[in-house]
C-alpha atoms as a PDB file:
ATOM      1  CA  UNK A   1     -17.629 -49.447  -5.727  1.00  0.00           C
ATOM      2  CA  UNK A   2     -16.774 -46.112  -4.805  1.00  0.00           C
ATOM      3  CA  UNK A   3     -15.919 -43.324  -7.710  1.00  0.00           C
ATOM      4  CA  UNK A   4     -14.935 -40.198  -7.424  1.00  0.00           C
ATOM      5  CA  UNK A   5     -17.105 -37.372  -8.862  1.00  0.00           C
ATOM      6  CA  UNK A   6     -15.661 -34.984 -11.363  1.00  0.00           C
ATOM      7  CA  UNK A   7     -15.773 -31.029 -10.549  1.00  0.00           C
ATOM      8  CA  UNK A   8     -15.028 -28.739 -13.539  1.00  0.00           C
ATOM      9  CA  UNK A   9     -14.102 -25.194 -11.627  1.00  0.00           C
ATOM     10  CA  UNK A  10     -15.707 -22.422 -13.472  1.00  0.00           C
ATOM     11  CA  UNK A  11     -13.773 -19.301 -13.444  1.00  0.00           C
ATOM     12  CA  UNK A  12     -15.202 -15.845 -14.078  1.00  0.00           C
ATOM     13  CA  UNK A  13     -12.643 -13.894 -15.104  1.00  0.00           C
ATOM     14  CA  UNK A  14     -11.096 -12.131 -17.371  1.00  0.00           C
ATOM     15  CA  UNK A  15      -8.563 -14.812 -17.960  1.00  0.00           C
ATOM     16  CA  UNK A  16      -9.340 -16.780 -21.261  1.00  0.00           C
ATOM     17  CA  UNK A  17      -7.746 -20.184 -22.261  1.00  0.00           C
ATOM     18  CA  UNK A  18      -6.043 -20.782 -25.600  1.00  0.00           C
ATOM     19  CA  UNK A  19      -4.130 -22.679 -27.545  1.00  0.00           C
ATOM     20  CA  UNK A  20      -3.231 -26.310 -25.399  1.00  0.00           C
ATOM     21  CA  UNK A  21      -5.067 -24.629 -22.461  1.00  0.00           C
ATOM     22  CA  UNK A  22      -2.700 -22.208 -21.864  1.00  0.00           C
ATOM     23  CA  UNK A  23      -3.844 -19.291 -19.860  1.00  0.00           C
ATOM     24  CA  UNK A  24      -3.540 -15.864 -21.214  1.00  0.00           C
ATOM     25  CA  UNK A  25      -4.239 -12.729 -19.248  1.00  0.00           C
ATOM     26  CA  UNK A  26      -5.618 -10.526 -21.861  1.00  0.00           C
ATOM     27  CA  UNK A  27      -3.423  -7.095 -22.366  1.00  0.00           C
ATOM     28  CA  UNK A  28      -5.229  -3.714 -21.928  1.00  0.00           C
ATOM     29  CA  UNK A  29      -5.879  -3.056 -25.475  1.00  0.00           C
ATOM     30  CA  UNK A  30      -7.644  -6.312 -25.251  1.00  0.00           C
ATOM     31  CA  UNK A  31      -9.907  -5.197 -22.586  1.00  0.00           C
ATOM     32  CA  UNK A  32     -10.422  -1.805 -24.187  1.00  0.00           C
ATOM     33  CA  UNK A  33      -9.189  -0.389 -20.815  1.00  0.00           C
ATOM     34  CA  UNK A  34      -8.259   3.668 -21.473  1.00  0.00           C
ATOM     35  CA  UNK A  35      -5.758   5.804 -19.412  1.00  0.00           C
ATOM     36  CA  UNK A  36      -8.507   8.569 -18.995  1.00  0.00           C
ATOM     37  CA  UNK A  37      -6.701  10.761 -16.395  1.00  0.00           C
ATOM     38  CA  UNK A  38      -3.400  10.594 -14.584  1.00  0.00           C
ATOM     39  CA  UNK A  39      -3.134  12.834 -11.629  1.00  0.00           C
ATOM     40  CA  UNK A  40      -0.005  14.207  -9.853  1.00  0.00           C
ATOM     41  CA  UNK A  41       2.012  12.316  -6.881  1.00  0.00           C
ATOM     42  CA  UNK A  42       0.507  12.215  -3.724  1.00  0.00           C
ATOM     43  CA  UNK A  43       2.816  13.538  -0.955  1.00  0.00           C
ATOM     44  CA  UNK A  44       3.397  11.203   1.962  1.00  0.00           C
ATOM     45  CA  UNK A  45       6.777  10.848   4.489  1.00  0.00           C
ATOM     46  CA  UNK A  46       8.311   7.558   5.421  1.00  0.00           C
ATOM     47  CA  UNK A  47       8.400   7.527   8.776  1.00  0.00           C
ATOM     48  CA  UNK A  48      11.110   4.322  10.571  1.00  0.00           C
ATOM     49  CA  UNK A  49      10.463   3.776  13.850  1.00  0.00           C
ATOM     50  CA  UNK A  50      11.943   1.142  16.069  1.00  0.00           C
ATOM     51  CA  UNK A  51      10.078  -1.754  15.847  1.00  0.00           C
ATOM     52  CA  UNK A  52      11.427  -4.644  15.413  1.00  0.00           C
ATOM     53  CA  UNK A  53       9.422  -6.631  12.921  1.00  0.00           C
ATOM     54  CA  UNK A  54       7.487  -3.778  10.672  1.00  0.00           C
ATOM     55  CA  UNK A  55       9.585  -0.389  11.400  1.00  0.00           C
ATOM     56  CA  UNK A  56       8.496   1.465   8.558  1.00  0.00           C
ATOM     57  CA  UNK A  57       5.278   3.205   7.983  1.00  0.00           C
ATOM     58  CA  UNK A  58       3.727   6.293   5.487  1.00  0.00           C
ATOM     59  CA  UNK A  59       2.467   8.971   7.082  1.00  0.00           C
ATOM     60  CA  UNK A  60      -0.708  10.955   4.669  1.00  0.00           C
ATOM     61  CA  UNK A  61      -2.249  12.882   7.206  1.00  0.00           C
ATOM     62  CA  UNK A  62      -2.333  12.652  10.892  1.00  0.00           C
ATOM     63  CA  UNK A  63      -5.371  10.472  10.718  1.00  0.00           C
ATOM     64  CA  UNK A  64      -4.117   7.589   7.455  1.00  0.00           C
ATOM     65  CA  UNK A  65      -0.921   5.989   7.995  1.00  0.00           C
ATOM     66  CA  UNK A  66      -0.066   2.913   6.372  1.00  0.00           C
ATOM     67  CA  UNK A  67       2.553  -0.176   7.208  1.00  0.00           C
ATOM     68  CA  UNK A  68       5.159  -2.104   5.336  1.00  0.00           C
ATOM     69  CA  UNK A  69       4.666  -5.792   5.843  1.00  0.00           C
ATOM     70  CA  UNK A  70       6.995  -7.606   3.990  1.00  0.00           C
ATOM     71  CA  UNK A  71       6.346  -6.360   0.717  1.00  0.00           C
ATOM     72  CA  UNK A  72       2.870  -4.653   0.934  1.00  0.00           C
ATOM     73  CA  UNK A  73       1.812  -1.829   3.063  1.00  0.00           C
ATOM     74  CA  UNK A  74      -1.000  -1.897   4.560  1.00  0.00           C
ATOM     75  CA  UNK A  75      -3.239   0.711   6.293  1.00  0.00           C
ATOM     76  CA  UNK A  76      -3.175   0.813   9.722  1.00  0.00           C
ATOM     77  CA  UNK A  77      -5.675   1.540  12.372  1.00  0.00           C
ATOM     78  CA  UNK A  78      -5.685   3.471  15.883  1.00  0.00           C
ATOM     79  CA  UNK A  79      -2.695   4.887  14.902  1.00  0.00           C
ATOM     80  CA  UNK A  80      -2.924   7.895  17.348  1.00  0.00           C
ATOM     81  CA  UNK A  81       0.055   6.733  19.420  1.00  0.00           C
ATOM     82  CA  UNK A  82       2.117   7.021  15.989  1.00  0.00           C
ATOM     83  CA  UNK A  83       0.875  10.285  15.380  1.00  0.00           C
ATOM     84  CA  UNK A  84       1.487  11.733  18.863  1.00  0.00           C
ATOM     85  CA  UNK A  85       5.236   9.878  18.214  1.00  0.00           C
ATOM     86  CA  UNK A  86       5.552  11.660  15.067  1.00  0.00           C
ATOM     87  CA  UNK A  87       4.702  15.379  16.856  1.00  0.00           C
ATOM     88  CA  UNK A  88       7.183  14.508  19.302  1.00  0.00           C
ATOM     89  CA  UNK A  89      10.133  14.079  16.933  1.00  0.00           C
ATOM     90  CA  UNK A  90       8.721  16.888  14.616  1.00  0.00           C
ATOM     91  CA  UNK A  91       9.059  19.125  17.713  1.00  0.00           C
ATOM     92  CA  UNK A  92      12.517  18.305  19.047  1.00  0.00           C
ATOM     93  CA  UNK A  93      13.384  18.743  15.423  1.00  0.00           C
ATOM     94  CA  UNK A  94      12.241  22.583  15.438  1.00  0.00           C
ATOM     95  CA  UNK A  95      15.212  24.862  16.063  1.00  0.00           C
ATOM     96  CA  UNK A  96      14.569  26.984  18.488  1.00  0.00           C
ATOM     97  CA  UNK A  97      14.770  30.480  17.747  1.00  0.00           C
ATOM     98  CA  UNK A  98      18.175  32.140  19.572  1.00  0.00           C
ATOM     99  CA  UNK A  99      18.143  35.931  21.079  1.00  0.00           C
ATOM    100  CA  UNK A 100      19.414  38.334  18.652  1.00  0.00           C
ATOM    101  CA  UNK A 101      22.466  39.715  20.326  1.00  0.00           C
ATOM    102  CA  UNK A 102      22.907  43.018  17.961  1.00  0.00           C
END
């Protein structure tokens, strides 16, 4: 007669079992976590493109782009075309100097 084996799942994480076998995530205080430092905000630009599926990007620098996919920002690789389109856009927005007619 076949009897299925019984497996016990071992979870190696900070989760703990409490009364009634409820999983409880310890608070930062219970883990002893403390904030050591807070830095100033990081500047980036949000760029909207004509991409149909994922049109929003964040540009931190010429080589650091992220793409909004659903509810999360994902690192973008091979972004030379994005950077070139961005530079073209910026160049088209720079006002040209008008001659002084005085």
